[in-house]
Amino acid sequence: MEQLLRARWFDGLSSQPRPVLVGLVPGARGPALHLHPLAGDAAPPRVFSSAEVGWPEAWNARRAQRKVVVDLRSAGSLEVEDGARWHAALEAAGGRPGLAQRMQTRWRVFATVLVVAAFGLWAFYRWGTPWAAAQIARHVPLEWEQRLSAEAMQELDADHLQPSRLAPERQAEIQAAFDSLRQQVGPDLARYPGYAPKLTLAFRSGIGPNAFALPGGTMVMTDALVEAARLHRVGDDALAGVLAHEMGHVVYRHTTRMVVEQGVLNVGIGLAMGDVSGIVATGSTLLTSLAYRRSHETEADCFAVALMQKAGRPLAPMADLLLAIDGPDGHGDDKEATSQRPKTSASQASALASLLSSHPATAERAQRIKAGTVRACTVP
């Protein structure tokens, strides 16, 4: 038997509410609401399907609201005096609380949803953004990368780098090794079919021993790195290995992917968190750079191993140079090369961090390069 509840109907046509009786009837697609006139009124009941009713939510599992307001959309609204009876009748008619209501009234549901949401965000950050960036990078024009690279070099030359002091003959020797490696880069080593940037090498001084790659094909080697190779007697094969590593960064479009990753991550957080996304996104940029740089370095090591083996060059000198620069503790043991590093401000250090940061676990990395086997060389 249908249980009827007393209510007041604000139909939107009159300023005065109309007293009515409300019944909730089970249905295939959820409970239906029947609006009955009071005794003496011959009008038939008005029926509202489940989809036509804005069902009120319970805010407390143990204590129901004294009054319940039911949204009837264009037909106005109902005010039910007995909230406890309303929720009991709704449950008896097959009404089931939605996820939002269960989160509001059951802490276990709330905790579960919170954990799932946190895992989803972490999974999106860990796997979703790199995958999306790798796919989107396929469609980034080479001209855009080259323009970005030119602007970056102008800024670095203006603020951080100085012209090379290497003798022209020495530069020519390293350039010849670079050209020899460049000729070995073919489709078999490509990550992106059809992507063939012109690989160029530039020499600079002004910072410590390092080499870095800019998007679109530009690579920079510092005088201090050449000097470190000389001091540790590892020869030009070591410098060639470093250049092969930087070629891997270019061919795999790592800088472009990092830019895209940050954009994808910020957009994803914005969709998930709305107006507060800007606060989180500020920190996420740094997190993306740190976390994904490790996988990028591994990919570049894989590329370097394959290229050096294809060119018939030994891998051990490159590994020895990495250890010599970073040292067993990761801080370097080359006093002469270290003394060439200028004292930079905090802002300068931050600006160069993304290009010149050291890879973690250098000792393990060097051992794998020597063996010619770098873990996770299968690129996704």
Foldseek 3Di string as FASTA:
>chain_A
DWDWAWKWFDQVPDPGTAIWIWTWAADPVAIKIWTGHDPPDPDGTDIGGPVQKDADAAQEPVDGDQWDWIQRDNRGIMITRHRVVVVVRRVVNPDDDDLVRCLRHPVVSVVVVVVVVVVVLVCCLPPVLLVVLLVVVLVDDLVVQVVVQVVVVVVCPVPAWAAAPDDPVVVVVLVVLLVLLLVLDDPVLAPHPPDDAAADEGEIERAFADKFEGERHYIYGYPNVVVLCVVVVLPSLLVSLRSLLRVQCHRSVVVSSLVSSLVVSLVVLCVVPPPCSVVVSVVVSVVSLVPCVQVSSLLSLLRSLVSCVSSVGAQLSNLVSLCQQLPPVGNHDDVVRNVRHDDDDPVVCVVCCSTGPDHPPSNVSSVCSNVSHGPPNPDD
